[in-house]
PDB file of N, CA and C in Angstrom:
ATOM      1  N   MET A   1       0.845  -1.177   0.000  1.00  0.00           N
ATOM      2  CA  MET A   1       0.000   0.000   0.000  1.00  0.00           C
ATOM      3  C   MET A   1       0.890   1.241   0.000  1.00  0.00           C
ATOM      4  N   PRO A   2       0.633   2.209  -0.905  1.00  0.00           N
ATOM      5  CA  PRO A   2       1.486   3.402  -0.974  1.00  0.00           C
ATOM      6  C   PRO A   2       1.312   4.308   0.243  1.00  0.00           C
ATOM      7  N   SER A   3       2.376   5.022   0.545  1.00  0.00           N
ATOM      8  CA  SER A   3       2.356   5.933   1.678  1.00  0.00           C
ATOM      9  C   SER A   3       1.551   7.185   1.338  1.00  0.00           C
ATOM     10  N   LYS A   4       0.845   7.731   2.301  1.00  0.00           N
ATOM     11  CA  LYS A   4       0.029   8.927   2.083  1.00  0.00           C
ATOM     12  C   LYS A   4       0.819  10.219   2.242  1.00  0.00           C
ATOM     13  N   GLU A   5       2.083  10.091   2.616  1.00  0.00           N
ATOM     14  CA  GLU A   5       2.915  11.272   2.780  1.00  0.00           C
ATOM     15  C   GLU A   5       3.295  11.841   1.427  1.00  0.00           C
ATOM     16  N   LYS A   6       3.358  13.180   1.347  1.00  0.00           N
ATOM     17  CA  LYS A   6       3.743  13.837   0.103  1.00  0.00           C
ATOM     18  C   LYS A   6       5.259  13.809  -0.036  1.00  0.00           C
ATOM     19  N   SER A   7       5.704  13.704  -1.267  1.00  0.00           N
ATOM     20  CA  SER A   7       7.139  13.764  -1.496  1.00  0.00           C
ATOM     21  C   SER A   7       7.590  15.222  -1.458  1.00  0.00           C
ATOM     22  N   ALA A   8       8.881  15.434  -1.311  1.00  0.00           N
ATOM     23  CA  ALA A   8       9.418  16.793  -1.234  1.00  0.00           C
ATOM     24  C   ALA A   8       9.212  17.539  -2.543  1.00  0.00           C
ATOM     25  N   ALA A   9       9.202  16.860  -3.672  1.00  0.00           N
ATOM     26  CA  ALA A   9       9.018  17.504  -4.976  1.00  0.00           C
ATOM     27  C   ALA A   9       7.579  17.978  -5.164  1.00  0.00           C
ATOM     28  N   ALA A  10       6.618  17.367  -4.496  1.00  0.00           N
ATOM     29  CA  ALA A  10       5.211  17.710  -4.670  1.00  0.00           C
ATOM     30  C   ALA A  10       4.786  18.901  -3.816  1.00  0.00           C
ATOM     31  N   GLU A  11       5.584  19.306  -2.872  1.00  0.00           N
ATOM     32  CA  GLU A  11       5.214  20.414  -2.004  1.00  0.00           C
ATOM     33  C   GLU A  11       5.283  21.738  -2.760  1.00  0.00           C
ATOM     34  N   VAL A  12       4.354  22.635  -2.457  1.00  0.00           N
ATOM     35  CA  VAL A  12       4.322  23.942  -3.098  1.00  0.00           C
ATOM     36  C   VAL A  12       5.251  24.884  -2.349  1.00  0.00           C
ATOM     37  N   SER A  13       6.100  25.564  -3.080  1.00  0.00           N
ATOM     38  CA  SER A  13       7.010  26.542  -2.497  1.00  0.00           C
ATOM     39  C   SER A  13       6.418  27.922  -2.707  1.00  0.00           C
ATOM     40  N   ILE A  14       5.614  28.361  -1.771  1.00  0.00           N
ATOM     41  CA  ILE A  14       4.866  29.609  -1.898  1.00  0.00           C
ATOM     42  C   ILE A  14       5.788  30.823  -1.934  1.00  0.00           C
ATOM     43  N   TYR A  15       6.995  30.705  -1.405  1.00  0.00           N
ATOM     44  CA  TYR A  15       7.914  31.838  -1.409  1.00  0.00           C
ATOM     45  C   TYR A  15       8.349  32.202  -2.821  1.00  0.00           C
ATOM     46  N   LYS A  16       8.184  31.319  -3.777  1.00  0.00           N
ATOM     47  CA  LYS A  16       8.543  31.607  -5.163  1.00  0.00           C
ATOM     48  C   LYS A  16       7.543  32.542  -5.841  1.00  0.00           C
ATOM     49  N   PHE A  17       6.370  32.723  -5.253  1.00  0.00           N
ATOM     50  CA  PHE A  17       5.332  33.553  -5.853  1.00  0.00           C
ATOM     51  C   PHE A  17       5.472  35.028  -5.492  1.00  0.00           C
ATOM     52  N   TYR A  18       6.418  35.380  -4.633  1.00  0.00           N
ATOM     53  CA  TYR A  18       6.602  36.756  -4.180  1.00  0.00           C
ATOM     54  C   TYR A  18       8.043  37.195  -4.386  1.00  0.00           C
ATOM     55  N   LYS A  19       8.233  38.501  -4.577  1.00  0.00           N
ATOM     56  CA  LYS A  19       9.561  39.102  -4.634  1.00  0.00           C
ATOM     57  C   LYS A  19       9.540  40.368  -3.789  1.00  0.00           C
ATOM     58  N   VAL A  20      10.678  40.700  -3.181  1.00  0.00           N
ATOM     59  CA  VAL A  20      10.787  41.917  -2.388  1.00  0.00           C
ATOM     60  C   VAL A  20      11.777  42.844  -3.079  1.00  0.00           C
ATOM     61  N   GLU A  21      11.294  44.021  -3.478  1.00  0.00           N
ATOM     62  CA  GLU A  21      12.143  45.017  -4.121  1.00  0.00           C
ATOM     63  C   GLU A  21      11.867  46.367  -3.480  1.00  0.00           C
ATOM     64  N   ASP A  22      12.918  47.015  -3.020  1.00  0.00           N
ATOM     65  CA  ASP A  22      12.807  48.349  -2.403  1.00  0.00           C
ATOM     66  C   ASP A  22      11.748  48.393  -1.306  1.00  0.00           C
ATOM     67  N   ASP A  23      11.779  47.425  -0.409  1.00  0.00           N
ATOM     68  CA  ASP A  23      10.845  47.333   0.724  1.00  0.00           C
ATOM     69  C   ASP A  23       9.382  47.213   0.293  1.00  0.00           C
ATOM     70  N   LYS A  24       9.132  46.718  -0.912  1.00  0.00           N
ATOM     71  CA  LYS A  24       7.770  46.484  -1.385  1.00  0.00           C
ATOM     72  C   LYS A  24       7.637  45.022  -1.786  1.00  0.00           C
ATOM     73  N   LEU A  25       6.480  44.465  -1.521  1.00  0.00           N
ATOM     74  CA  LEU A  25       6.183  43.091  -1.865  1.00  0.00           C
ATOM     75  C   LEU A  25       5.552  43.055  -3.257  1.00  0.00           C
ATOM     76  N   ILE A  26       6.125  42.255  -4.154  1.00  0.00           N
ATOM     77  CA  ILE A  26       5.626  42.156  -5.514  1.00  0.00           C
ATOM     78  C   ILE A  26       5.214  40.714  -5.760  1.00  0.00           C
ATOM     79  N   ARG A  27       3.978  40.542  -6.232  1.00  0.00           N
ATOM     80  CA  ARG A  27       3.487  39.203  -6.546  1.00  0.00           C
ATOM     81  C   ARG A  27       3.921  38.860  -7.963  1.00  0.00           C
ATOM     82  N   SER A  28       4.609  37.739  -8.148  1.00  0.00           N
ATOM     83  CA  SER A  28       5.146  37.397  -9.461  1.00  0.00           C
ATOM     84  C   SER A  28       4.150  36.633 -10.328  1.00  0.00           C
ATOM     85  N   ARG A  29       3.102  36.109  -9.761  1.00  0.00           N
ATOM     86  CA  ARG A  29       2.085  35.400 -10.537  1.00  0.00           C
ATOM     87  C   ARG A  29       0.744  36.088 -10.422  1.00  0.00           C
ATOM     88  N   ARG A  30      -0.106  35.866 -11.415  1.00  0.00           N
ATOM     89  CA  ARG A  30      -1.442  36.460 -11.449  1.00  0.00           C
ATOM     90  C   ARG A  30      -2.334  35.772 -10.419  1.00  0.00           C
ATOM     91  N   GLU A  31      -3.173  36.571  -9.778  1.00  0.00           N
ATOM     92  CA  GLU A  31      -4.130  36.021  -8.821  1.00  0.00           C
ATOM     93  C   GLU A  31      -5.457  35.766  -9.510  1.00  0.00           C
ATOM     94  N   CYS A  32      -6.207  34.808  -9.021  1.00  0.00           N
ATOM     95  CA  CYS A  32      -7.494  34.451  -9.608  1.00  0.00           C
ATOM     96  C   CYS A  32      -8.515  35.562  -9.354  1.00  0.00           C
ATOM     97  N   PRO A  33      -9.199  36.040 -10.402  1.00  0.00           N
ATOM     98  CA  PRO A  33     -10.203  37.090 -10.203  1.00  0.00           C
ATOM     99  C   PRO A  33     -11.447  36.592  -9.468  1.00  0.00           C
ATOM    100  N   ARG A  34     -11.734  35.305  -9.531  1.00  0.00           N
ATOM    101  CA  ARG A  34     -12.897  34.762  -8.828  1.00  0.00           C
ATOM    102  C   ARG A  34     -12.609  34.487  -7.354  1.00  0.00           C
ATOM    103  N   CYS A  35     -11.493  33.835  -7.084  1.00  0.00           N
ATOM    104  CA  CYS A  35     -11.165  33.397  -5.721  1.00  0.00           C
ATOM    105  C   CYS A  35     -10.628  34.536  -4.861  1.00  0.00           C
ATOM    106  N   GLY A  36      -9.944  35.492  -5.468  1.00  0.00           N
ATOM    107  CA  GLY A  36      -9.452  36.632  -4.715  1.00  0.00           C
ATOM    108  C   GLY A  36      -7.990  36.516  -4.342  1.00  0.00           C
ATOM    109  N   ARG A  37      -7.602  37.333  -3.376  1.00  0.00           N
ATOM    110  CA  ARG A  37      -6.202  37.441  -2.981  1.00  0.00           C
ATOM    111  C   ARG A  37      -5.702  36.161  -2.342  1.00  0.00           C
ATOM    112  N   GLY A  38      -4.461  35.812  -2.689  1.00  0.00           N
ATOM    113  CA  GLY A  38      -3.826  34.649  -2.094  1.00  0.00           C
ATOM    114  C   GLY A  38      -3.983  33.368  -2.879  1.00  0.00           C
ATOM    115  N   VAL A  39      -4.819  33.373  -3.917  1.00  0.00           N
ATOM    116  CA  VAL A  39      -4.991  32.190  -4.757  1.00  0.00           C
ATOM    117  C   VAL A  39      -4.362  32.513  -6.106  1.00  0.00           C
ATOM    118  N   PHE A  40      -3.255  31.866  -6.411  1.00  0.00           N
ATOM    119  CA  PHE A  40      -2.512  32.157  -7.629  1.00  0.00           C
ATOM    120  C   PHE A  40      -2.924  31.224  -8.753  1.00  0.00           C
ATOM    121  N   MET A  41      -2.779  31.713  -9.973  1.00  0.00           N
ATOM    122  CA  MET A  41      -3.109  30.940 -11.157  1.00  0.00           C
ATOM    123  C   MET A  41      -1.852  30.256 -11.698  1.00  0.00           C
ATOM    124  N   ALA A  42      -2.020  29.044 -12.199  1.00  0.00           N
ATOM    125  CA  ALA A  42      -0.914  28.308 -12.802  1.00  0.00           C
ATOM    126  C   ALA A  42      -0.629  28.888 -14.179  1.00  0.00           C
ATOM    127  N   GLU A  43       0.654  28.938 -14.538  1.00  0.00           N
ATOM    128  CA  GLU A  43       1.041  29.486 -15.830  1.00  0.00           C
ATOM    129  C   GLU A  43       1.366  28.337 -16.774  1.00  0.00           C
ATOM    130  N   HIS A  44       0.571  28.192 -17.822  1.00  0.00           N
ATOM    131  CA  HIS A  44       0.800  27.190 -18.849  1.00  0.00           C
ATOM    132  C   HIS A  44       1.307  27.881 -20.106  1.00  0.00           C
ATOM    133  N   LYS A  45       1.551  27.122 -21.141  1.00  0.00           N
ATOM    134  CA  LYS A  45       2.107  27.677 -22.379  1.00  0.00           C
ATOM    135  C   LYS A  45       1.165  28.697 -23.025  1.00  0.00           C
ATOM    136  N   ASN A  46      -0.127  28.407 -23.070  1.00  0.00           N
ATOM    137  CA  ASN A  46      -1.068  29.281 -23.759  1.00  0.00           C
ATOM    138  C   ASN A  46      -2.225  29.763 -22.886  1.00  0.00           C
ATOM    139  N   ARG A  47      -2.128  29.546 -21.571  1.00  0.00           N
ATOM    140  CA  ARG A  47      -3.243  29.939 -20.706  1.00  0.00           C
ATOM    141  C   ARG A  47      -2.803  30.060 -19.252  1.00  0.00           C
ATOM    142  N   ASN A  48      -3.634  30.712 -18.432  1.00  0.00           N
ATOM    143  CA  ASN A  48      -3.488  30.757 -16.981  1.00  0.00           C
ATOM    144  C   ASN A  48      -4.718  30.068 -16.395  1.00  0.00           C
ATOM    145  N   THR A  49      -4.510  29.203 -15.406  1.00  0.00           N
ATOM    146  CA  THR A  49      -5.598  28.419 -14.850  1.00  0.00           C
ATOM    147  C   THR A  49      -5.560  28.453 -13.330  1.00  0.00           C
ATOM    148  N   CYS A  50      -6.734  28.588 -12.724  1.00  0.00           N
ATOM    149  CA  CYS A  50      -6.856  28.520 -11.272  1.00  0.00           C
ATOM    150  C   CYS A  50      -7.107  27.066 -10.883  1.00  0.00           C
ATOM    151  N   GLY A  51      -6.320  26.544  -9.966  1.00  0.00           N
ATOM    152  CA  GLY A  51      -6.481  25.171  -9.525  1.00  0.00           C
ATOM    153  C   GLY A  51      -7.610  24.988  -8.533  1.00  0.00           C
ATOM    154  N   LYS A  52      -8.077  26.086  -7.967  1.00  0.00           N
ATOM    155  CA  LYS A  52      -9.126  25.992  -6.956  1.00  0.00           C
ATOM    156  C   LYS A  52     -10.519  25.975  -7.589  1.00  0.00           C
ATOM    157  N   CYS A  53     -10.800  26.932  -8.494  1.00  0.00           N
ATOM    158  CA  CYS A  53     -12.139  27.036  -9.068  1.00  0.00           C
ATOM    159  C   CYS A  53     -12.194  26.630 -10.536  1.00  0.00           C
ATOM    160  N   GLY A  54     -11.029  26.490 -11.197  1.00  0.00           N
ATOM    161  CA  GLY A  54     -11.014  26.065 -12.590  1.00  0.00           C
ATOM    162  C   GLY A  54     -11.104  27.196 -13.598  1.00  0.00           C
ATOM    163  N   PHE A  55     -11.072  28.433 -13.156  1.00  0.00           N
ATOM    164  CA  PHE A  55     -11.137  29.593 -14.056  1.00  0.00           C
ATOM    165  C   PHE A  55      -9.923  29.576 -14.986  1.00  0.00           C
ATOM    166  N   THR A  56     -10.151  29.811 -16.292  1.00  0.00           N
ATOM    167  CA  THR A  56      -9.081  29.762 -17.286  1.00  0.00           C
ATOM    168  C   THR A  56      -9.100  31.019 -18.131  1.00  0.00           C
ATOM    169  N   GLU A  57      -7.937  31.606 -18.338  1.00  0.00           N
ATOM    170  CA  GLU A  57      -7.770  32.733 -19.254  1.00  0.00           C
ATOM    171  C   GLU A  57      -6.790  32.300 -20.326  1.00  0.00           C
ATOM    172  N   PHE A  58      -7.178  32.421 -21.590  1.00  0.00           N
ATOM    173  CA  PHE A  58      -6.291  32.067 -22.685  1.00  0.00           C
ATOM    174  C   PHE A  58      -5.503  33.289 -23.117  1.00  0.00           C
ATOM    175  N   ARG A  59      -4.235  33.061 -23.448  1.00  0.00           N
ATOM    176  CA  ARG A  59      -3.374  34.136 -23.932  1.00  0.00           C
ATOM    177  C   ARG A  59      -3.482  34.200 -25.448  1.00  0.00           C
ATOM    178  N   ARG A  60      -3.325  35.396 -25.983  1.00  0.00           N
ATOM    179  CA  ARG A  60      -3.314  35.549 -27.427  1.00  0.00           C
ATOM    180  C   ARG A  60      -1.946  35.175 -27.947  1.00  0.00           C
ATOM    181  N   SER A  61      -1.924  34.536 -29.111  1.00  0.00           N
ATOM    182  CA  SER A  61      -0.639  34.166 -29.704  1.00  0.00           C
ATOM    183  C   SER A  61      -0.083  35.343 -30.489  1.00  0.00           C
ATOM    184  N   ASP A  62       1.211  35.337 -30.761  1.00  0.00           N
ATOM    185  CA  ASP A  62       1.860  36.404 -31.511  1.00  0.00           C
ATOM    186  C   ASP A  62       1.347  36.470 -32.953  1.00  0.00           C
ATOM    187  N   GLU A  63       0.948  35.332 -33.518  1.00  0.00           N
ATOM    188  CA  GLU A  63       0.452  35.301 -34.883  1.00  0.00           C
ATOM    189  C   GLU A  63      -0.847  36.071 -35.025  1.00  0.00           C
ATOM    190  N   SER A  64      -1.733  35.964 -34.056  1.00  0.00           N
ATOM    191  CA  SER A  64      -3.002  36.686 -34.140  1.00  0.00           C
ATOM    192  C   SER A  64      -2.791  38.188 -34.000  1.00  0.00           C
ATOM    193  N   LYS A  65      -1.784  38.592 -33.236  1.00  0.00           N
ATOM    194  CA  LYS A  65      -1.474  40.023 -33.101  1.00  0.00           C
ATOM    195  C   LYS A  65      -0.915  40.579 -34.402  1.00  0.00           C
ATOM    196  N   LYS A  66      -0.083  39.771 -35.101  1.00  0.00           N
ATOM    197  CA  LYS A  66       0.486  40.224 -36.364  1.00  0.00           C
ATOM    198  C   LYS A  66      -0.595  40.368 -37.427  1.00  0.00           C
ATOM    199  N   GLN A  67      -1.559  39.462 -37.449  1.00  0.00           N
ATOM    200  CA  GLN A  67      -2.623  39.509 -38.443  1.00  0.00           C
ATOM    201  C   GLN A  67      -3.527  40.708 -38.246  1.00  0.00           C
ATOM    202  N   THR A  68      -3.824  41.050 -36.988  1.00  0.00           N
ATOM    203  CA  THR A  68      -4.703  42.189 -36.729  1.00  0.00           C
ATOM    204  C   THR A  68      -4.001  43.512 -37.004  1.00  0.00           C
ATOM    205  N   SER A  69      -2.693  43.586 -36.827  1.00  0.00           N
ATOM    206  CA  SER A  69      -1.970  44.827 -37.056  1.00  0.00           C
ATOM    207  C   SER A  69      -1.796  45.108 -38.543  1.00  0.00           C
ATOM    208  N   LYS A  70      -1.813  44.075 -39.390  1.00  0.00           N
ATOM    209  CA  LYS A  70      -1.675  44.270 -40.819  1.00  0.00           C
ATOM    210  C   LYS A  70      -2.942  44.826 -41.443  1.00  0.00           C
ATOM    211  N   SER A  71      -4.081  44.566 -40.867  1.00  0.00           N
ATOM    212  CA  SER A  71      -5.369  44.978 -41.436  1.00  0.00           C
ATOM    213  C   SER A  71      -5.563  46.463 -41.419  1.00  0.00           C
TER     214      SER A  71
END
């Protein structure tokens, strides 16, 4: 039977989501607009996703920006 303990690689390192510059706290990841402060969204290749509520924002690709600027 597998152990229920989490491995060290599976633990979330919340300190990576913040930076301190000039005595100010800067959040390095986007927060979920539905869940509010303290719930960060995962960064994928083409989207940001909230793991708590499932909210997803898709990013625009560079190709679509080039096509709209030519028009």
